[in-house]
Amino acid sequence: MLIRNNLQKWALNIPNLLSISRLFLVLPLILFLEINRPFYVFTLIIVAGTTDYFDGFIARKFNLKTRLGAILDPLSDKVFYLIPLVYLCKNNLIPFWSLTLILFRELIISSLRNSTKDGLPASQLGKFKTFFFFISLVAFFSPLKLSLLKNLAFVFYWIGFLLTFLTLFGYLRIKKNLI
């Protein structure tokens, strides 16, 4: 019993630590984008996606959902996929207007999260949005230079873009019901 309680107490921090680890990966991500090292960017995106999966899995499996985690996890995801999207926009691979709309949506959702008691946890559709953006980034930065991957990158980007606004309306509906 004592071991189980200690394990749960220790595990309580694991999902949040995984989310925080993604934030620490942001600096190397920016550096590798700046010095044009797509393989390292690709690797960091894979690591970030993996930590995102496991922080959610562990939090659900051990019932370790916290308000901090409800804020940290989506924040880490946003920072980690928006920075490469800015890079892609800067290099004219995705349109500026689409990134502007995504950033606008993220600001709205972040303000909603800060104004609710439970941090407004991510919806299932919001998780799909993040997944599609991560897969898009994996394809964009893949060391394999195949036209099929580039086309898939754009398809996944635009699916993520569409889900960006579907989730915005869902979160606004939730927030309206909370008031």
N, C-alpha and C. Protein backbone atom coordinates (compact mmCIF):
# COMPACT_ATOMS: atom_id res chain seq x y z
N MET A 1 0.83 -1.19 0.00
CA MET A 1 0.00 0.00 0.00
C MET A 1 0.87 1.25 0.00
N LEU A 2 1.90 1.25 0.84
CA LEU A 2 2.81 2.40 0.93
C LEU A 2 3.52 2.62 -0.41
N ILE A 3 3.94 1.52 -1.04
CA ILE A 3 4.61 1.62 -2.34
C ILE A 3 3.65 2.19 -3.37
N ARG A 4 2.42 1.72 -3.37
CA ARG A 4 1.42 2.20 -4.32
C ARG A 4 1.16 3.70 -4.14
N ASN A 5 1.00 4.13 -2.87
CA ASN A 5 0.77 5.55 -2.60
C ASN A 5 1.95 6.39 -3.05
N ASN A 6 3.16 5.92 -2.76
CA ASN A 6 4.35 6.64 -3.19
C ASN A 6 4.45 6.68 -4.71
N LEU A 7 4.12 5.56 -5.35
CA LEU A 7 4.16 5.52 -6.81
C LEU A 7 3.15 6.51 -7.39
N GLN A 8 1.95 6.54 -6.83
CA GLN A 8 0.94 7.47 -7.32
C GLN A 8 1.36 8.91 -7.05
N LYS A 9 1.96 9.15 -5.89
CA LYS A 9 2.42 10.50 -5.59
C LYS A 9 3.52 10.92 -6.57
N TRP A 10 4.43 9.99 -6.84
CA TRP A 10 5.51 10.26 -7.80
C TRP A 10 4.95 10.39 -9.21
N ALA A 11 4.01 9.49 -9.56
CA ALA A 11 3.42 9.52 -10.90
C ALA A 11 2.60 10.79 -11.11
N LEU A 12 2.13 11.37 -10.02
CA LEU A 12 1.36 12.61 -10.13
C LEU A 12 2.16 13.67 -10.89
N ASN A 13 3.46 13.66 -10.71
CA ASN A 13 4.29 14.66 -11.35
C ASN A 13 4.73 14.29 -12.76
N ILE A 14 4.66 13.02 -13.13
CA ILE A 14 5.17 12.58 -14.43
C ILE A 14 4.45 13.26 -15.60
N PRO A 15 3.12 13.29 -15.67
CA PRO A 15 2.50 13.96 -16.80
C PRO A 15 2.90 15.44 -16.91
N ASN A 16 2.93 16.12 -15.77
CA ASN A 16 3.32 17.53 -15.80
C ASN A 16 4.79 17.70 -16.17
N LEU A 17 5.64 16.80 -15.69
CA LEU A 17 7.07 16.86 -16.06
C LEU A 17 7.26 16.62 -17.56
N LEU A 18 6.47 15.72 -18.12
CA LEU A 18 6.57 15.49 -19.56
C LEU A 18 6.14 16.73 -20.34
N SER A 19 5.09 17.40 -19.87
CA SER A 19 4.66 18.64 -20.52
C SER A 19 5.74 19.71 -20.40
N ILE A 20 6.33 19.81 -19.23
CA ILE A 20 7.40 20.79 -19.02
C ILE A 20 8.61 20.46 -19.88
N SER A 21 8.89 19.17 -20.06
CA SER A 21 10.04 18.78 -20.89
C SER A 21 9.87 19.29 -22.32
N ARG A 22 8.63 19.30 -22.82
CA ARG A 22 8.39 19.84 -24.16
C ARG A 22 8.74 21.33 -24.21
N LEU A 23 8.45 22.03 -23.13
CA LEU A 23 8.80 23.46 -23.10
C LEU A 23 10.32 23.64 -23.14
N PHE A 24 11.07 22.75 -22.47
CA PHE A 24 12.53 22.84 -22.51
C PHE A 24 13.10 22.49 -23.88
N LEU A 25 12.35 21.75 -24.66
CA LEU A 25 12.81 21.40 -26.01
C LEU A 25 12.61 22.54 -27.01
N VAL A 26 11.91 23.58 -26.60
CA VAL A 26 11.62 24.70 -27.51
C VAL A 26 12.90 25.43 -27.93
N LEU A 27 13.80 25.65 -26.99
CA LEU A 27 15.04 26.36 -27.32
C LEU A 27 15.86 25.61 -28.37
N PRO A 28 16.12 24.31 -28.19
CA PRO A 28 16.83 23.61 -29.26
C PRO A 28 16.04 23.59 -30.58
N LEU A 29 14.72 23.52 -30.48
CA LEU A 29 13.89 23.55 -31.68
C LEU A 29 14.13 24.83 -32.46
N ILE A 30 14.09 25.96 -31.78
CA ILE A 30 14.32 27.25 -32.43
C ILE A 30 15.73 27.30 -33.02
N LEU A 31 16.70 26.84 -32.26
CA LEU A 31 18.09 26.84 -32.73
C LEU A 31 18.23 26.01 -34.01
N PHE A 32 17.68 24.80 -34.01
CA PHE A 32 17.81 23.94 -35.18
C PHE A 32 17.02 24.47 -36.38
N LEU A 33 15.93 25.16 -36.13
CA LEU A 33 15.22 25.81 -37.24
C LEU A 33 16.08 26.94 -37.81
N GLU A 34 16.68 27.72 -36.94
CA GLU A 34 17.50 28.86 -37.36
C GLU A 34 18.73 28.45 -38.15
N ILE A 35 19.38 27.35 -37.74
CA ILE A 35 20.59 26.92 -38.44
C ILE A 35 20.29 25.88 -39.52
N ASN A 36 18.99 25.71 -39.80
CA ASN A 36 18.54 24.84 -40.89
C ASN A 36 19.02 23.40 -40.75
N ARG A 37 18.62 22.80 -39.65
CA ARG A 37 18.93 21.38 -39.40
C ARG A 37 17.61 20.61 -39.31
N PRO A 38 16.98 20.34 -40.46
CA PRO A 38 15.66 19.71 -40.45
C PRO A 38 15.62 18.33 -39.79
N PHE A 39 16.71 17.56 -39.87
CA PHE A 39 16.69 16.25 -39.23
C PHE A 39 16.52 16.38 -37.73
N TYR A 40 17.20 17.35 -37.11
CA TYR A 40 17.09 17.56 -35.67
C TYR A 40 15.71 18.11 -35.31
N VAL A 41 15.18 18.96 -36.17
CA VAL A 41 13.82 19.47 -35.96
C VAL A 41 12.84 18.29 -36.01
N PHE A 42 13.00 17.44 -37.02
CA PHE A 42 12.19 16.24 -37.17
C PHE A 42 12.26 15.39 -35.90
N THR A 43 13.46 15.17 -35.39
CA THR A 43 13.65 14.36 -34.19
C THR A 43 12.96 14.99 -32.98
N LEU A 44 13.12 16.29 -32.81
CA LEU A 44 12.47 16.98 -31.68
C LEU A 44 10.95 16.91 -31.78
N ILE A 45 10.43 17.00 -32.99
CA ILE A 45 8.98 16.91 -33.17
C ILE A 45 8.49 15.52 -32.79
N ILE A 46 9.24 14.49 -33.16
CA ILE A 46 8.89 13.12 -32.78
C ILE A 46 8.92 12.98 -31.25
N VAL A 47 9.96 13.50 -30.62
CA VAL A 47 10.08 13.43 -29.15
C VAL A 47 8.91 14.18 -28.50
N ALA A 48 8.60 15.36 -29.01
CA ALA A 48 7.50 16.14 -28.45
C ALA A 48 6.17 15.41 -28.60
N GLY A 49 5.92 14.83 -29.76
CA GLY A 49 4.69 14.08 -29.97
C GLY A 49 4.59 12.88 -29.04
N THR A 50 5.72 12.22 -28.82
CA THR A 50 5.76 11.05 -27.93
C THR A 50 5.49 11.47 -26.48
N THR A 51 6.13 12.54 -26.03
CA THR A 51 5.89 12.99 -24.65
C THR A 51 4.45 13.46 -24.49
N ASP A 52 3.89 14.06 -25.53
CA ASP A 52 2.49 14.49 -25.47
C ASP A 52 1.57 13.28 -25.30
N TYR A 53 1.83 12.23 -26.06
CA TYR A 53 1.02 11.02 -25.94
C TYR A 53 1.13 10.44 -24.53
N PHE A 54 2.37 10.28 -24.04
CA PHE A 54 2.56 9.62 -22.75
C PHE A 54 2.08 10.46 -21.58
N ASP A 55 2.18 11.79 -21.66
CA ASP A 55 1.67 12.56 -20.51
C ASP A 55 0.16 12.39 -20.39
N GLY A 56 -0.53 12.36 -21.52
CA GLY A 56 -1.98 12.14 -21.48
C GLY A 56 -2.33 10.73 -21.05
N PHE A 57 -1.60 9.76 -21.56
CA PHE A 57 -1.84 8.36 -21.23
C PHE A 57 -1.66 8.11 -19.73
N ILE A 58 -0.56 8.61 -19.18
CA ILE A 58 -0.28 8.42 -17.75
C ILE A 58 -1.30 9.15 -16.89
N ALA A 59 -1.65 10.37 -17.30
CA ALA A 59 -2.63 11.14 -16.53
C ALA A 59 -3.98 10.42 -16.49
N ARG A 60 -4.39 9.84 -17.62
CA ARG A 60 -5.67 9.13 -17.65
C ARG A 60 -5.58 7.80 -16.90
N LYS A 61 -4.51 7.05 -17.13
CA LYS A 61 -4.36 5.71 -16.54
C LYS A 61 -4.33 5.77 -15.01
N PHE A 62 -3.63 6.76 -14.47
CA PHE A 62 -3.50 6.87 -13.02
C PHE A 62 -4.42 7.94 -12.42
N ASN A 63 -5.34 8.45 -13.25
CA ASN A 63 -6.27 9.49 -12.82
C ASN A 63 -5.51 10.66 -12.18
N LEU A 64 -4.56 11.18 -12.91
CA LEU A 64 -3.69 12.25 -12.41
C LEU A 64 -3.95 13.57 -13.11
N LYS A 65 -5.19 13.80 -13.46
CA LYS A 65 -5.54 15.05 -14.12
C LYS A 65 -5.52 16.19 -13.10
N THR A 66 -4.79 17.25 -13.45
CA THR A 66 -4.70 18.41 -12.56
C THR A 66 -4.99 19.68 -13.35
N ARG A 67 -5.32 20.72 -12.64
CA ARG A 67 -5.53 22.01 -13.31
C ARG A 67 -4.24 22.46 -13.98
N LEU A 68 -3.11 22.26 -13.29
CA LEU A 68 -1.82 22.61 -13.87
C LEU A 68 -1.59 21.84 -15.17
N GLY A 69 -1.88 20.57 -15.15
CA GLY A 69 -1.72 19.75 -16.36
C GLY A 69 -2.66 20.18 -17.47
N ALA A 70 -3.88 20.57 -17.10
CA ALA A 70 -4.86 21.03 -18.11
C ALA A 70 -4.40 22.32 -18.78
N ILE A 71 -3.54 23.07 -18.12
CA ILE A 71 -2.99 24.30 -18.71
C ILE A 71 -1.65 24.01 -19.38
N LEU A 72 -0.77 23.25 -18.70
CA LEU A 72 0.58 22.98 -19.21
C LEU A 72 0.58 22.19 -20.51
N ASP A 73 -0.20 21.12 -20.56
CA ASP A 73 -0.18 20.24 -21.73
C ASP A 73 -0.55 20.99 -23.01
N PRO A 74 -1.71 21.66 -23.06
CA PRO A 74 -2.05 22.37 -24.29
C PRO A 74 -1.08 23.52 -24.59
N LEU A 75 -0.57 24.18 -23.53
CA LEU A 75 0.40 25.26 -23.75
C LEU A 75 1.66 24.70 -24.40
N SER A 76 2.16 23.60 -23.87
CA SER A 76 3.36 22.97 -24.44
C SER A 76 3.13 22.57 -25.89
N ASP A 77 1.96 22.00 -26.16
CA ASP A 77 1.63 21.60 -27.53
C ASP A 77 1.61 22.81 -28.46
N LYS A 78 0.93 23.85 -28.02
CA LYS A 78 0.81 25.06 -28.85
C LYS A 78 2.18 25.64 -29.19
N VAL A 79 2.99 25.83 -28.16
CA VAL A 79 4.31 26.40 -28.38
C VAL A 79 5.11 25.50 -29.32
N PHE A 80 4.99 24.19 -29.12
CA PHE A 80 5.83 23.28 -29.88
C PHE A 80 5.39 23.13 -31.33
N TYR A 81 4.12 23.28 -31.64
CA TYR A 81 3.77 23.19 -33.06
C TYR A 81 3.69 24.56 -33.73
N LEU A 82 3.46 25.62 -32.96
CA LEU A 82 3.37 26.95 -33.59
C LEU A 82 4.73 27.46 -34.08
N ILE A 83 5.79 27.18 -33.34
CA ILE A 83 7.11 27.66 -33.75
C ILE A 83 7.51 27.10 -35.12
N PRO A 84 7.41 25.79 -35.34
CA PRO A 84 7.72 25.31 -36.70
C PRO A 84 6.75 25.85 -37.77
N LEU A 85 5.49 26.09 -37.37
CA LEU A 85 4.55 26.67 -38.35
C LEU A 85 4.98 28.08 -38.73
N VAL A 86 5.48 28.84 -37.77
CA VAL A 86 6.01 30.18 -38.08
C VAL A 86 7.17 30.06 -39.05
N TYR A 87 8.05 29.10 -38.82
CA TYR A 87 9.18 28.85 -39.71
C TYR A 87 8.68 28.51 -41.12
N LEU A 88 7.68 27.63 -41.21
CA LEU A 88 7.13 27.25 -42.53
C LEU A 88 6.51 28.45 -43.22
N CYS A 89 5.86 29.30 -42.45
CA CYS A 89 5.27 30.53 -43.01
C CYS A 89 6.37 31.46 -43.50
N LYS A 90 7.39 31.62 -42.69
CA LYS A 90 8.52 32.48 -43.05
C LYS A 90 9.18 32.01 -44.34
N ASN A 91 9.17 30.72 -44.58
CA ASN A 91 9.78 30.14 -45.78
C ASN A 91 8.76 29.89 -46.89
N ASN A 92 7.60 30.55 -46.77
CA ASN A 92 6.56 30.53 -47.80
C ASN A 92 6.03 29.14 -48.14
N LEU A 93 5.99 28.26 -47.14
CA LEU A 93 5.42 26.94 -47.36
C LEU A 93 3.95 26.89 -46.97
N ILE A 94 3.56 27.71 -46.01
CA ILE A 94 2.15 27.85 -45.65
C ILE A 94 1.82 29.33 -45.70
N PRO A 95 0.56 29.66 -46.00
CA PRO A 95 0.20 31.08 -46.12
C PRO A 95 0.14 31.81 -44.77
N PHE A 96 0.57 33.04 -44.81
CA PHE A 96 0.59 33.90 -43.62
C PHE A 96 -0.80 34.04 -43.02
N TRP A 97 -1.82 34.21 -43.87
CA TRP A 97 -3.17 34.42 -43.35
C TRP A 97 -3.64 33.23 -42.53
N SER A 98 -3.26 32.00 -42.95
CA SER A 98 -3.71 30.82 -42.19
C SER A 98 -3.05 30.77 -40.82
N LEU A 99 -1.76 31.10 -40.77
CA LEU A 99 -1.07 31.12 -39.49
C LEU A 99 -1.64 32.20 -38.58
N THR A 100 -1.97 33.34 -39.15
CA THR A 100 -2.56 34.43 -38.37
C THR A 100 -3.88 33.98 -37.73
N LEU A 101 -4.71 33.28 -38.48
CA LEU A 101 -5.98 32.79 -37.94
C LEU A 101 -5.76 31.74 -36.86
N ILE A 102 -4.76 30.88 -37.05
CA ILE A 102 -4.45 29.87 -36.04
C ILE A 102 -3.99 30.56 -34.75
N LEU A 103 -3.11 31.53 -34.88
CA LEU A 103 -2.62 32.26 -33.70
C LEU A 103 -3.76 32.98 -32.98
N PHE A 104 -4.65 33.58 -33.75
CA PHE A 104 -5.81 34.27 -33.16
C PHE A 104 -6.66 33.29 -32.36
N ARG A 105 -6.92 32.11 -32.93
CA ARG A 105 -7.70 31.09 -32.23
C ARG A 105 -6.99 30.67 -30.95
N GLU A 106 -5.68 30.47 -31.01
CA GLU A 106 -4.93 30.03 -29.83
C GLU A 106 -4.97 31.07 -28.71
N LEU A 107 -4.95 32.33 -29.06
CA LEU A 107 -5.07 33.38 -28.04
C LEU A 107 -6.44 33.34 -27.37
N ILE A 108 -7.47 33.13 -28.15
CA ILE A 108 -8.83 33.06 -27.59
C ILE A 108 -8.93 31.86 -26.64
N ILE A 109 -8.47 30.70 -27.08
CA ILE A 109 -8.57 29.49 -26.25
C ILE A 109 -7.74 29.64 -24.98
N SER A 110 -6.55 30.21 -25.10
CA SER A 110 -5.70 30.41 -23.92
C SER A 110 -6.38 31.31 -22.90
N SER A 111 -7.04 32.35 -23.36
CA SER A 111 -7.74 33.23 -22.42
C SER A 111 -8.93 32.51 -21.78
N LEU A 112 -9.61 31.65 -22.55
CA LEU A 112 -10.71 30.86 -21.98
C LEU A 112 -10.17 29.90 -20.92
N ARG A 113 -9.03 29.27 -21.19
CA ARG A 113 -8.44 28.33 -20.24
C ARG A 113 -8.09 29.02 -18.93
N ASN A 114 -7.57 30.23 -19.04
CA ASN A 114 -7.17 30.95 -17.83
C ASN A 114 -8.35 31.44 -17.02
N SER A 115 -9.52 31.50 -17.64
CA SER A 115 -10.68 32.04 -16.94
C SER A 115 -11.60 30.95 -16.37
N THR A 116 -11.20 29.68 -16.48
CA THR A 116 -12.05 28.62 -15.94
C THR A 116 -11.31 27.88 -14.83
N LYS A 117 -12.10 27.33 -13.92
CA LYS A 117 -11.55 26.66 -12.74
C LYS A 117 -10.70 25.45 -13.10
N ASP A 118 -11.14 24.64 -14.06
CA ASP A 118 -10.41 23.42 -14.39
C ASP A 118 -9.43 23.60 -15.55
N GLY A 119 -9.25 24.82 -16.02
CA GLY A 119 -8.30 25.08 -17.09
C GLY A 119 -8.83 24.74 -18.47
N LEU A 120 -10.09 24.36 -18.57
CA LEU A 120 -10.72 23.98 -19.84
C LEU A 120 -9.89 22.92 -20.55
N PRO A 121 -9.97 21.68 -20.09
CA PRO A 121 -9.18 20.60 -20.69
C PRO A 121 -9.46 20.46 -22.19
N ALA A 122 -8.49 19.89 -22.89
CA ALA A 122 -8.60 19.73 -24.34
C ALA A 122 -9.75 18.78 -24.68
N SER A 123 -10.49 19.15 -25.71
CA SER A 123 -11.55 18.28 -26.21
C SER A 123 -10.93 17.18 -27.07
N GLN A 124 -11.71 16.16 -27.36
CA GLN A 124 -11.22 15.08 -28.23
C GLN A 124 -10.88 15.64 -29.61
N LEU A 125 -11.71 16.54 -30.11
CA LEU A 125 -11.44 17.16 -31.41
C LEU A 125 -10.18 18.02 -31.35
N GLY A 126 -9.96 18.68 -30.21
CA GLY A 126 -8.75 19.46 -30.02
C GLY A 126 -7.50 18.59 -30.04
N LYS A 127 -7.61 17.38 -29.50
CA LYS A 127 -6.50 16.43 -29.53
C LYS A 127 -6.22 16.00 -30.98
N PHE A 128 -7.28 15.81 -31.74
CA PHE A 128 -7.10 15.46 -33.16
C PHE A 128 -6.43 16.61 -33.92
N LYS A 129 -6.83 17.83 -33.61
CA LYS A 129 -6.21 19.00 -34.24
C LYS A 129 -4.71 19.00 -34.00
N THR A 130 -4.33 18.83 -32.74
CA THR A 130 -2.91 18.80 -32.40
C THR A 130 -2.21 17.64 -33.11
N PHE A 131 -2.84 16.49 -33.14
CA PHE A 131 -2.28 15.32 -33.81
C PHE A 131 -2.02 15.63 -35.30
N PHE A 132 -3.00 16.23 -35.96
CA PHE A 132 -2.82 16.53 -37.39
C PHE A 132 -1.71 17.55 -37.61
N PHE A 133 -1.60 18.54 -36.73
CA PHE A 133 -0.49 19.49 -36.88
C PHE A 133 0.86 18.80 -36.65
N PHE A 134 0.93 17.94 -35.64
CA PHE A 134 2.19 17.24 -35.40
C PHE A 134 2.55 16.34 -36.59
N ILE A 135 1.60 15.61 -37.12
CA ILE A 135 1.87 14.74 -38.27
C ILE A 135 2.29 15.58 -39.47
N SER A 136 1.64 16.71 -39.64
CA SER A 136 2.02 17.62 -40.72
C SER A 136 3.48 18.06 -40.57
N LEU A 137 3.87 18.41 -39.35
CA LEU A 137 5.24 18.85 -39.11
C LEU A 137 6.23 17.70 -39.31
N VAL A 138 5.86 16.50 -38.88
CA VAL A 138 6.73 15.35 -39.12
C VAL A 138 6.96 15.18 -40.62
N ALA A 139 5.90 15.30 -41.40
CA ALA A 139 6.04 15.15 -42.86
C ALA A 139 6.82 16.31 -43.47
N PHE A 140 6.58 17.54 -43.03
CA PHE A 140 7.32 18.69 -43.56
C PHE A 140 8.82 18.57 -43.30
N PHE A 141 9.19 18.11 -42.10
CA PHE A 141 10.60 18.09 -41.71
C PHE A 141 11.23 16.71 -41.85
N SER A 142 10.53 15.78 -42.45
CA SER A 142 11.07 14.44 -42.63
C SER A 142 12.36 14.47 -43.44
N PRO A 143 13.33 13.65 -43.04
CA PRO A 143 14.58 13.59 -43.81
C PRO A 143 14.36 12.97 -45.20
N LEU A 144 13.26 12.26 -45.36
CA LEU A 144 12.94 11.69 -46.67
C LEU A 144 12.32 12.79 -47.53
N LYS A 145 12.92 13.09 -48.61
CA LYS A 145 12.44 14.16 -49.49
C LYS A 145 11.60 13.56 -50.61
N LEU A 146 10.39 13.17 -50.26
CA LEU A 146 9.46 12.59 -51.22
C LEU A 146 8.32 13.56 -51.46
N SER A 147 7.90 13.67 -52.70
CA SER A 147 6.79 14.58 -53.00
C SER A 147 5.51 14.12 -52.29
N LEU A 148 5.36 12.80 -52.13
CA LEU A 148 4.19 12.28 -51.41
C LEU A 148 4.16 12.81 -49.98
N LEU A 149 5.30 12.82 -49.31
CA LEU A 149 5.34 13.34 -47.93
C LEU A 149 5.00 14.82 -47.89
N LYS A 150 5.51 15.57 -48.84
CA LYS A 150 5.21 17.00 -48.87
C LYS A 150 3.71 17.22 -49.10
N ASN A 151 3.13 16.44 -49.99
CA ASN A 151 1.69 16.55 -50.23
C ASN A 151 0.90 16.17 -48.99
N LEU A 152 1.32 15.10 -48.31
CA LEU A 152 0.65 14.69 -47.07
C LEU A 152 0.79 15.77 -46.00
N ALA A 153 1.96 16.40 -45.96
CA ALA A 153 2.17 17.49 -44.99
C ALA A 153 1.13 18.58 -45.19
N PHE A 154 0.88 18.95 -46.43
CA PHE A 154 -0.12 19.99 -46.70
C PHE A 154 -1.53 19.51 -46.37
N VAL A 155 -1.85 18.27 -46.71
CA VAL A 155 -3.18 17.73 -46.41
C VAL A 155 -3.42 17.75 -44.90
N PHE A 156 -2.44 17.25 -44.12
CA PHE A 156 -2.59 17.23 -42.67
C PHE A 156 -2.62 18.64 -42.09
N TYR A 157 -1.85 19.54 -42.67
CA TYR A 157 -1.88 20.93 -42.20
C TYR A 157 -3.28 21.51 -42.37
N TRP A 158 -3.88 21.32 -43.54
CA TRP A 158 -5.20 21.92 -43.79
C TRP A 158 -6.30 21.23 -42.98
N ILE A 159 -6.14 19.93 -42.70
CA ILE A 159 -7.09 19.27 -41.80
C ILE A 159 -6.96 19.88 -40.40
N GLY A 160 -5.73 20.05 -39.93
CA GLY A 160 -5.50 20.70 -38.63
C GLY A 160 -6.07 22.10 -38.61
N PHE A 161 -5.90 22.83 -39.71
CA PHE A 161 -6.43 24.18 -39.82
C PHE A 161 -7.96 24.17 -39.69
N LEU A 162 -8.62 23.27 -40.38
CA LEU A 162 -10.08 23.15 -40.30
C LEU A 162 -10.51 22.81 -38.87
N LEU A 163 -9.82 21.86 -38.26
CA LEU A 163 -10.15 21.47 -36.89
C LEU A 163 -9.90 22.61 -35.90
N THR A 164 -8.98 23.50 -36.25
CA THR A 164 -8.71 24.67 -35.41
C THR A 164 -9.99 25.46 -35.15
N PHE A 165 -10.78 25.62 -36.19
CA PHE A 165 -11.99 26.44 -36.04
C PHE A 165 -13.18 25.64 -35.55
N LEU A 166 -13.23 24.37 -35.89
CA LEU A 166 -14.29 23.54 -35.32
C LEU A 166 -14.13 23.47 -33.80
N THR A 167 -12.91 23.32 -33.33
CA THR A 167 -12.69 23.26 -31.89
C THR A 167 -12.93 24.60 -31.23
N LEU A 168 -12.61 25.68 -31.92
CA LEU A 168 -12.88 27.02 -31.35
C LEU A 168 -14.36 27.16 -31.04
N PHE A 169 -15.20 26.80 -31.99
CA PHE A 169 -16.65 26.91 -31.77
C PHE A 169 -17.10 25.99 -30.65
N GLY A 170 -16.51 24.79 -30.55
CA GLY A 170 -16.84 23.87 -29.47
C GLY A 170 -16.47 24.44 -28.11
N TYR A 171 -15.27 25.03 -28.01
CA TYR A 171 -14.84 25.62 -26.74
C TYR A 171 -15.69 26.84 -26.39
N LEU A 172 -16.06 27.62 -27.37
CA LEU A 172 -16.92 28.78 -27.10
C LEU A 172 -18.28 28.32 -26.59
N ARG A 173 -18.79 27.24 -27.12
CA ARG A 173 -20.08 26.69 -26.67
C ARG A 173 -19.95 26.21 -25.22
N ILE A 174 -18.84 25.53 -24.90
CA ILE A 174 -18.60 25.06 -23.53
C ILE A 174 -18.52 26.25 -22.59
N LYS A 175 -17.77 27.26 -22.97
CA LYS A 175 -17.60 28.44 -22.13
C LYS A 175 -18.93 29.14 -21.90
N LYS A 176 -19.76 29.22 -22.94
CA LYS A 176 -21.07 29.85 -22.81
C LYS A 176 -21.91 29.11 -21.77
N ASN A 177 -21.81 27.79 -21.77
CA ASN A 177 -22.58 26.98 -20.82
C ASN A 177 -22.03 27.09 -19.39
N LEU A 178 -20.76 27.45 -19.25
CA LEU A 178 -20.16 27.59 -17.92
C LEU A 178 -20.51 28.89 -17.24
N ILE A 179 -20.88 29.90 -18.04
CA ILE A 179 -21.15 31.22 -17.49
C ILE A 179 -22.50 31.26 -16.81
